[in-house]
PDB file of N, CA and C in Angstrom:
ATOM      1  N   MET A   1     -14.506   6.157  15.263  1.00  0.00           N
ATOM      2  CA  MET A   1     -14.009   7.551  14.926  1.00  0.00           C
ATOM      3  C   MET A   1     -13.309   7.303  13.474  1.00  0.00           C
ATOM      4  N   TRP A   2     -12.956   6.500  13.241  1.00  0.00           N
ATOM      5  CA  TRP A   2     -12.231   6.448  11.746  1.00  0.00           C
ATOM      6  C   TRP A   2     -13.025   5.639  10.920  1.00  0.00           C
ATOM      7  N   ARG A   3     -14.068   5.545  11.247  1.00  0.00           N
ATOM      8  CA  ARG A   3     -15.581   4.702  10.534  1.00  0.00           C
ATOM      9  C   ARG A   3     -15.521   5.237   8.903  1.00  0.00           C
ATOM     10  N   ASP A   4     -15.738   6.454   8.756  1.00  0.00           N
ATOM     11  CA  ASP A   4     -16.129   7.084   7.532  1.00  0.00           C
ATOM     12  C   ASP A   4     -15.084   7.867   6.856  1.00  0.00           C
ATOM     13  N   THR A   5     -13.791   7.412   7.090  1.00  0.00           N
ATOM     14  CA  THR A   5     -12.391   7.952   6.736  1.00  0.00           C
ATOM     15  C   THR A   5     -12.568   7.644   4.964  1.00  0.00           C
ATOM     16  N   ALA A   6     -13.097   6.819   4.395  1.00  0.00           N
ATOM     17  CA  ALA A   6     -12.847   6.232   3.027  1.00  0.00           C
ATOM     18  C   ALA A   6     -14.160   6.795   2.203  1.00  0.00           C
ATOM     19  N   ARG A   7     -14.986   7.428   2.712  1.00  0.00           N
ATOM     20  CA  ARG A   7     -15.918   8.196   2.146  1.00  0.00           C
ATOM     21  C   ARG A   7     -15.661   9.279   1.401  1.00  0.00           C
ATOM     22  N   ARG A   8     -16.396   9.718   0.107  1.00  0.00           N
ATOM     23  CA  ARG A   8     -16.064  10.810  -0.524  1.00  0.00           C
ATOM     24  C   ARG A   8     -16.370  11.982   0.309  1.00  0.00           C
ATOM     25  N   ILE A   9     -15.513  13.229  -0.106  1.00  0.00           N
ATOM     26  CA  ILE A   9     -16.152  14.473   0.973  1.00  0.00           C
ATOM     27  C   ILE A   9     -17.192  15.098  -0.144  1.00  0.00           C
ATOM     28  N   THR A  10     -18.263  15.430   0.239  1.00  0.00           N
ATOM     29  CA  THR A  10     -19.628  15.941  -0.424  1.00  0.00           C
ATOM     30  C   THR A  10     -19.816  17.180   0.137  1.00  0.00           C
ATOM     31  N   ILE A  11     -20.187  18.266  -0.243  1.00  0.00           N
ATOM     32  CA  ILE A  11     -20.757  19.554   0.017  1.00  0.00           C
ATOM     33  C   ILE A  11     -21.509  19.815  -0.711  1.00  0.00           C
ATOM     34  N   ALA A  12     -23.250  20.060  -0.135  1.00  0.00           N
ATOM     35  CA  ALA A  12     -24.279  20.377  -0.864  1.00  0.00           C
ATOM     36  C   ALA A  12     -24.549  19.352  -1.881  1.00  0.00           C
ATOM     37  N   GLY A  13     -24.067  18.080  -1.703  1.00  0.00           N
ATOM     38  CA  GLY A  13     -24.420  17.018  -2.794  1.00  0.00           C
ATOM     39  C   GLY A  13     -23.543  16.944  -3.947  1.00  0.00           C
ATOM     40  N   LEU A  14     -22.529  17.691  -3.807  1.00  0.00           N
ATOM     41  CA  LEU A  14     -21.488  17.517  -4.630  1.00  0.00           C
ATOM     42  C   LEU A  14     -20.082  17.214  -4.298  1.00  0.00           C
ATOM     43  N   GLU A  15     -19.259  16.546  -4.819  1.00  0.00           N
ATOM     44  CA  GLU A  15     -18.084  16.305  -4.061  1.00  0.00           C
ATOM     45  C   GLU A  15     -17.256  17.519  -4.295  1.00  0.00           C
ATOM     46  N   ALA A  16     -16.290  17.531  -3.290  1.00  0.00           N
ATOM     47  CA  ALA A  16     -15.354  18.435  -2.969  1.00  0.00           C
ATOM     48  C   ALA A  16     -14.510  19.148  -4.288  1.00  0.00           C
ATOM     49  N   TRP A  17     -14.017  18.153  -5.002  1.00  0.00           N
ATOM     50  CA  TRP A  17     -13.413  18.494  -5.930  1.00  0.00           C
ATOM     51  C   TRP A  17     -14.374  19.147  -7.260  1.00  0.00           C
ATOM     52  N   ALA A  18     -15.612  18.855  -7.271  1.00  0.00           N
ATOM     53  CA  ALA A  18     -16.477  19.470  -8.284  1.00  0.00           C
ATOM     54  C   ALA A  18     -16.534  21.119  -7.657  1.00  0.00           C
ATOM     55  N   LEU A  19     -16.375  21.455  -6.518  1.00  0.00           N
ATOM     56  CA  LEU A  19     -16.203  23.008  -5.977  1.00  0.00           C
ATOM     57  C   LEU A  19     -14.947  23.607  -6.410  1.00  0.00           C
ATOM     58  N   LEU A  20     -13.975  23.020  -6.927  1.00  0.00           N
ATOM     59  CA  LEU A  20     -12.709  23.483  -6.914  1.00  0.00           C
ATOM     60  C   LEU A  20     -13.159  24.769  -7.786  1.00  0.00           C
ATOM     61  N   PRO A  21     -13.648  24.702  -8.995  1.00  0.00           N
ATOM     62  CA  PRO A  21     -13.648  26.094  -9.855  1.00  0.00           C
ATOM     63  C   PRO A  21     -13.986  27.425  -8.934  1.00  0.00           C
ATOM     64  N   LEU A  22     -15.002  26.854  -8.043  1.00  0.00           N
ATOM     65  CA  LEU A  22     -15.660  28.315  -7.106  1.00  0.00           C
ATOM     66  C   LEU A  22     -14.638  28.629  -6.042  1.00  0.00           C
ATOM     67  N   LEU A  23     -13.707  27.856  -5.903  1.00  0.00           N
ATOM     68  CA  LEU A  23     -12.533  28.338  -4.884  1.00  0.00           C
ATOM     69  C   LEU A  23     -11.169  28.999  -5.849  1.00  0.00           C
ATOM     70  N   LEU A  24     -11.085  28.646  -7.048  1.00  0.00           N
ATOM     71  CA  LEU A  24     -10.732  29.636  -7.958  1.00  0.00           C
ATOM     72  C   LEU A  24     -11.093  30.876  -8.518  1.00  0.00           C
ATOM     73  N   TRP A  25     -12.446  30.827  -8.257  1.00  0.00           N
ATOM     74  CA  TRP A  25     -13.139  32.302  -8.727  1.00  0.00           C
ATOM     75  C   TRP A  25     -13.110  33.125  -7.453  1.00  0.00           C
ATOM     76  N   ALA A  26     -13.080  32.615  -6.363  1.00  0.00           N
ATOM     77  CA  ALA A  26     -12.516  33.357  -4.958  1.00  0.00           C
ATOM     78  C   ALA A  26     -11.426  34.065  -5.098  1.00  0.00           C
ATOM     79  N   GLY A  27     -10.593  33.443  -5.787  1.00  0.00           N
ATOM     80  CA  GLY A  27      -9.245  34.120  -5.773  1.00  0.00           C
ATOM     81  C   GLY A  27      -9.332  35.331  -6.866  1.00  0.00           C
ATOM     82  N   HIS A  28      -9.811  35.269  -7.924  1.00  0.00           N
ATOM     83  CA  HIS A  28     -10.127  35.855  -9.185  1.00  0.00           C
ATOM     84  C   HIS A  28     -11.510  36.346  -9.268  1.00  0.00           C
ATOM     85  N   MET A  29     -12.364  37.464  -8.952  1.00  0.00           N
ATOM     86  CA  MET A  29     -13.551  37.576  -9.039  1.00  0.00           C
ATOM     87  C   MET A  29     -13.860  38.621  -9.926  1.00  0.00           C
ATOM     88  N   ARG A  30     -14.298  37.830 -10.992  1.00  0.00           N
ATOM     89  CA  ARG A  30     -14.665  38.468 -12.482  1.00  0.00           C
ATOM     90  C   ARG A  30     -15.844  37.681 -12.994  1.00  0.00           C
ATOM     91  N   TRP A  31     -16.539  38.621 -13.522  1.00  0.00           N
ATOM     92  CA  TRP A  31     -17.724  37.897 -14.162  1.00  0.00           C
ATOM     93  C   TRP A  31     -17.487  36.742 -15.102  1.00  0.00           C
ATOM     94  N   TRP A  32     -16.595  37.181 -15.662  1.00  0.00           N
ATOM     95  CA  TRP A  32     -16.055  35.567 -16.854  1.00  0.00           C
ATOM     96  C   TRP A  32     -15.672  34.650 -15.662  1.00  0.00           C
ATOM     97  N   THR A  33     -14.995  34.550 -14.899  1.00  0.00           N
ATOM     98  CA  THR A  33     -14.234  33.691 -14.279  1.00  0.00           C
ATOM     99  C   THR A  33     -15.641  32.777 -13.381  1.00  0.00           C
ATOM    100  N   LEU A  34     -16.604  33.862 -13.043  1.00  0.00           N
ATOM    101  CA  LEU A  34     -17.695  33.266 -12.327  1.00  0.00           C
ATOM    102  C   LEU A  34     -18.426  32.176 -13.225  1.00  0.00           C
ATOM    103  N   TYR A  35     -18.772  32.850 -14.767  1.00  0.00           N
ATOM    104  CA  TYR A  35     -19.329  31.577 -15.607  1.00  0.00           C
ATOM    105  C   TYR A  35     -18.691  30.735 -15.821  1.00  0.00           C
ATOM    106  N   VAL A  36     -17.054  30.723 -16.048  1.00  0.00           N
ATOM    107  CA  VAL A  36     -16.372  29.349 -15.964  1.00  0.00           C
ATOM    108  C   VAL A  36     -16.341  28.550 -14.898  1.00  0.00           C
ATOM    109  N   ALA A  37     -16.810  29.130 -13.434  1.00  0.00           N
ATOM    110  CA  ALA A  37     -16.468  28.491 -12.688  1.00  0.00           C
ATOM    111  C   ALA A  37     -17.893  27.524 -12.381  1.00  0.00           C
ATOM    112  N   ILE A  38     -19.041  28.378 -12.774  1.00  0.00           N
ATOM    113  CA  ILE A  38     -20.251  27.432 -12.700  1.00  0.00           C
ATOM    114  C   ILE A  38     -20.446  26.305 -13.874  1.00  0.00           C
ATOM    115  N   ALA A  39     -19.971  26.718 -14.918  1.00  0.00           N
ATOM    116  CA  ALA A  39     -19.523  25.825 -16.396  1.00  0.00           C
ATOM    117  C   ALA A  39     -18.837  24.633 -15.664  1.00  0.00           C
ATOM    118  N   GLY A  40     -17.870  24.872 -15.018  1.00  0.00           N
ATOM    119  CA  GLY A  40     -17.086  23.921 -13.942  1.00  0.00           C
ATOM    120  C   GLY A  40     -17.615  22.904 -13.410  1.00  0.00           C
ATOM    121  N   VAL A  41     -18.500  23.466 -12.590  1.00  0.00           N
ATOM    122  CA  VAL A  41     -19.215  22.785 -11.636  1.00  0.00           C
ATOM    123  C   VAL A  41     -20.401  22.100 -12.074  1.00  0.00           C
ATOM    124  N   ALA A  42     -20.970  22.634 -13.283  1.00  0.00           N
ATOM    125  CA  ALA A  42     -22.163  21.794 -13.679  1.00  0.00           C
ATOM    126  C   ALA A  42     -21.099  20.451 -14.613  1.00  0.00           C
ATOM    127  N   ALA A  43     -20.124  20.892 -15.103  1.00  0.00           N
ATOM    128  CA  ALA A  43     -19.532  19.604 -15.929  1.00  0.00           C
ATOM    129  C   ALA A  43     -19.157  18.416 -14.639  1.00  0.00           C
ATOM    130  N   PHE A  44     -18.495  18.864 -13.575  1.00  0.00           N
ATOM    131  CA  PHE A  44     -18.274  17.788 -12.506  1.00  0.00           C
ATOM    132  C   PHE A  44     -19.481  17.438 -11.981  1.00  0.00           C
ATOM    133  N   GLY A  45     -20.624  17.950 -11.930  1.00  0.00           N
ATOM    134  CA  GLY A  45     -22.029  17.499 -11.335  1.00  0.00           C
ATOM    135  C   GLY A  45     -22.232  16.455 -12.643  1.00  0.00           C
ATOM    136  N   LEU A  46     -22.307  16.951 -13.712  1.00  0.00           N
ATOM    137  CA  LEU A  46     -22.657  15.467 -14.781  1.00  0.00           C
ATOM    138  C   LEU A  46     -21.756  14.742 -14.930  1.00  0.00           C
ATOM    139  N   LEU A  47     -20.674  14.727 -14.243  1.00  0.00           N
ATOM    140  CA  LEU A  47     -19.805  13.569 -14.329  1.00  0.00           C
ATOM    141  C   LEU A  47     -20.176  12.689 -12.987  1.00  0.00           C
ATOM    142  N   GLN A  48     -20.438  13.139 -12.102  1.00  0.00           N
ATOM    143  CA  GLN A  48     -20.997  12.560 -10.727  1.00  0.00           C
ATOM    144  C   GLN A  48     -22.413  11.917 -11.173  1.00  0.00           C
ATOM    145  N   TYR A  49     -23.289  12.611 -11.762  1.00  0.00           N
ATOM    146  CA  TYR A  49     -24.469  11.957 -12.189  1.00  0.00           C
ATOM    147  C   TYR A  49     -24.482  10.783 -13.028  1.00  0.00           C
ATOM    148  N   LEU A  50     -23.394  10.472 -14.021  1.00  0.00           N
ATOM    149  CA  LEU A  50     -22.854   9.524 -14.907  1.00  0.00           C
ATOM    150  C   LEU A  50     -21.977   8.688 -13.881  1.00  0.00           C
ATOM    151  N   GLY A  51     -21.707   8.581 -12.595  1.00  0.00           N
ATOM    152  CA  GLY A  51     -21.162   7.912 -11.793  1.00  0.00           C
ATOM    153  C   GLY A  51     -19.348   7.822 -12.093  1.00  0.00           C
ATOM    154  N   LEU A  52     -18.728   8.927 -12.390  1.00  0.00           N
ATOM    155  CA  LEU A  52     -17.637   8.978 -12.574  1.00  0.00           C
ATOM    156  C   LEU A  52     -16.985   9.879 -11.462  1.00  0.00           C
ATOM    157  N   THR A  53     -16.062   9.906 -10.972  1.00  0.00           N
ATOM    158  CA  THR A  53     -15.033  10.584 -10.303  1.00  0.00           C
ATOM    159  C   THR A  53     -14.512  11.305 -11.370  1.00  0.00           C
ATOM    160  N   LEU A  54     -13.856  12.560 -10.599  1.00  0.00           N
ATOM    161  CA  LEU A  54     -12.621  13.282 -11.818  1.00  0.00           C
ATOM    162  C   LEU A  54     -11.934  12.500 -12.074  1.00  0.00           C
ATOM    163  N   PHE A  55     -11.084  11.573 -11.351  1.00  0.00           N
ATOM    164  CA  PHE A  55      -9.965  10.789 -11.776  1.00  0.00           C
ATOM    165  C   PHE A  55     -10.265   9.567 -12.739  1.00  0.00           C
ATOM    166  N   GLY A  56     -11.484   9.051 -12.421  1.00  0.00           N
ATOM    167  CA  GLY A  56     -11.895   8.179 -13.086  1.00  0.00           C
ATOM    168  C   GLY A  56     -12.366   8.512 -14.532  1.00  0.00           C
ATOM    169  N   ALA A  57     -12.885   9.937 -14.651  1.00  0.00           N
ATOM    170  CA  ALA A  57     -13.013  10.661 -15.994  1.00  0.00           C
ATOM    171  C   ALA A  57     -11.931  10.598 -16.879  1.00  0.00           C
ATOM    172  N   LEU A  58     -10.694  11.109 -16.000  1.00  0.00           N
ATOM    173  CA  LEU A  58      -9.521  11.128 -16.772  1.00  0.00           C
ATOM    174  C   LEU A  58      -8.851   9.976 -17.248  1.00  0.00           C
ATOM    175  N   ARG A  59      -9.153   8.749 -16.408  1.00  0.00           N
ATOM    176  CA  ARG A  59      -8.663   7.553 -17.006  1.00  0.00           C
ATOM    177  C   ARG A  59      -9.366   7.180 -18.291  1.00  0.00           C
ATOM    178  N   ARG A  60     -10.393   7.386 -18.188  1.00  0.00           N
ATOM    179  CA  ARG A  60     -11.221   7.036 -19.379  1.00  0.00           C
ATOM    180  C   ARG A  60     -10.870   7.683 -20.307  1.00  0.00           C
ATOM    181  N   ILE A  61     -10.642   8.971 -20.277  1.00  0.00           N
ATOM    182  CA  ILE A  61     -10.339   9.818 -21.709  1.00  0.00           C
ATOM    183  C   ILE A  61      -8.812   9.383 -21.802  1.00  0.00           C
ATOM    184  N   ARG A  62      -7.827   9.095 -20.932  1.00  0.00           N
ATOM    185  CA  ARG A  62      -6.601   8.612 -21.352  1.00  0.00           C
ATOM    186  C   ARG A  62      -6.669   7.368 -22.073  1.00  0.00           C
ATOM    187  N   SER A  63      -7.468   6.377 -21.814  1.00  0.00           N
ATOM    188  CA  SER A  63      -7.691   5.036 -22.580  1.00  0.00           C
ATOM    189  C   SER A  63      -8.352   5.166 -23.940  1.00  0.00           C
ATOM    190  N   TRP A  64      -9.100   6.255 -23.750  1.00  0.00           N
ATOM    191  CA  TRP A  64      -9.954   6.390 -25.087  1.00  0.00           C
ATOM    192  C   TRP A  64      -8.648   6.819 -26.200  1.00  0.00           C
ATOM    193  N   PHE A  65      -7.817   7.802 -25.486  1.00  0.00           N
ATOM    194  CA  PHE A  65      -6.724   8.417 -26.534  1.00  0.00           C
ATOM    195  C   PHE A  65      -5.846   7.567 -26.936  1.00  0.00           C
ATOM    196  N   ALA A  66      -5.270   6.296 -25.964  1.00  0.00           N
ATOM    197  CA  ALA A  66      -4.489   5.333 -26.188  1.00  0.00           C
ATOM    198  C   ALA A  66      -5.097   4.241 -27.124  1.00  0.00           C
ATOM    199  N   GLY A  67      -6.373   3.760 -27.037  1.00  0.00           N
ATOM    200  CA  GLY A  67      -6.578   3.117 -27.857  1.00  0.00           C
ATOM    201  C   GLY A  67      -6.750   1.439 -27.374  1.00  0.00           C
ATOM    202  N   LYS A  68      -6.960   0.320 -28.152  1.00  0.00           N
ATOM    203  CA  LYS A  68      -7.183  -0.708 -27.781  1.00  0.00           C
ATOM    204  C   LYS A  68      -5.575  -1.474 -27.894  1.00  0.00           C
ATOM    205  N   ARG A  69      -4.918  -0.994 -28.806  1.00  0.00           N
ATOM    206  CA  ARG A  69      -3.574  -1.844 -29.115  1.00  0.00           C
ATOM    207  C   ARG A  69      -2.459  -1.353 -28.148  1.00  0.00           C
ATOM    208  N   ARG A  70      -2.116  -2.564 -27.378  1.00  0.00           N
ATOM    209  CA  ARG A  70      -1.026  -1.862 -26.528  1.00  0.00           C
ATOM    210  C   ARG A  70       0.516  -2.556 -26.733  1.00  0.00           C
ATOM    211  N   PRO A  71       1.246  -1.762 -27.577  1.00  0.00           N
ATOM    212  CA  PRO A  71       2.243  -2.355 -27.912  1.00  0.00           C
ATOM    213  C   PRO A  71       3.552  -3.033 -27.207  1.00  0.00           C
ATOM    214  N   GLY A  72       3.448  -2.410 -26.038  1.00  0.00           N
ATOM    215  CA  GLY A  72       4.540  -2.555 -24.823  1.00  0.00           C
ATOM    216  C   GLY A  72       4.195  -4.055 -24.285  1.00  0.00           C
ATOM    217  N   ILE A  73       2.980  -4.562 -24.621  1.00  0.00           N
ATOM    218  CA  ILE A  73       2.662  -5.831 -24.160  1.00  0.00           C
ATOM    219  C   ILE A  73       2.582  -6.747 -25.143  1.00  0.00           C
ATOM    220  N   PRO A  74       3.347  -7.987 -24.451  1.00  0.00           N
ATOM    221  CA  PRO A  74       3.276  -9.345 -25.591  1.00  0.00           C
ATOM    222  C   PRO A  74       2.189  -9.683 -26.130  1.00  0.00           C
ATOM    223  N   HIS A  75       2.218 -10.133 -27.184  1.00  0.00           N
ATOM    224  CA  HIS A  75       0.792 -10.576 -27.779  1.00  0.00           C
ATOM    225  C   HIS A  75       0.237 -11.548 -27.037  1.00  0.00           C
ATOM    226  N   HIS A  76       1.176 -12.651 -26.683  1.00  0.00           N
ATOM    227  CA  HIS A  76       0.261 -13.676 -25.619  1.00  0.00           C
ATOM    228  C   HIS A  76      -0.290 -13.116 -24.267  1.00  0.00           C
ATOM    229  N   LYS A  77       0.152 -12.116 -23.863  1.00  0.00           N
ATOM    230  CA  LYS A  77      -0.246 -11.537 -22.704  1.00  0.00           C
ATOM    231  C   LYS A  77      -1.268 -10.709 -22.723  1.00  0.00           C
ATOM    232  N   GLN A  78      -1.901 -10.125 -23.543  1.00  0.00           N
ATOM    233  CA  GLN A  78      -2.702  -9.121 -23.987  1.00  0.00           C
ATOM    234  C   GLN A  78      -4.226  -9.615 -23.723  1.00  0.00           C
ATOM    235  N   ARG A  79      -5.225  -8.818 -23.137  1.00  0.00           N
ATOM    236  CA  ARG A  79      -6.226  -9.126 -22.686  1.00  0.00           C
ATOM    237  C   ARG A  79      -7.533  -8.800 -24.342  1.00  0.00           C
ATOM    238  N   HIS A  80      -7.665 -10.013 -24.773  1.00  0.00           N
ATOM    239  CA  HIS A  80      -8.335  -9.630 -25.862  1.00  0.00           C
ATOM    240  C   HIS A  80      -9.624  -9.298 -25.764  1.00  0.00           C
ATOM    241  N   PHE A  81     -10.447  -9.549 -24.714  1.00  0.00           N
ATOM    242  CA  PHE A  81     -11.621  -9.258 -24.306  1.00  0.00           C
ATOM    243  C   PHE A  81     -12.187  -8.282 -23.837  1.00  0.00           C
ATOM    244  N   VAL A  82     -11.416  -7.174 -23.606  1.00  0.00           N
ATOM    245  CA  VAL A  82     -11.534  -5.940 -22.683  1.00  0.00           C
ATOM    246  C   VAL A  82     -12.063  -4.892 -23.538  1.00  0.00           C
TER     247      VAL A  82
END
């Protein structure tokens, strides 16, 4: 009964997070919001194709902005080969 609870929820081959823009379009049906929703689904589909989830991509962007230097960690505790 609880065997598949850790799996990601997929609808039509895409994660449920990827279809969130279509839900937003359902609340505000205009042509331009449909185009934005389709672009959002395509972007999330590209992330899934690259092997990233939404939250993994956000973490990667955050680490890209933060850089390699971590001033809050003492020099002897920093991981230099990461």
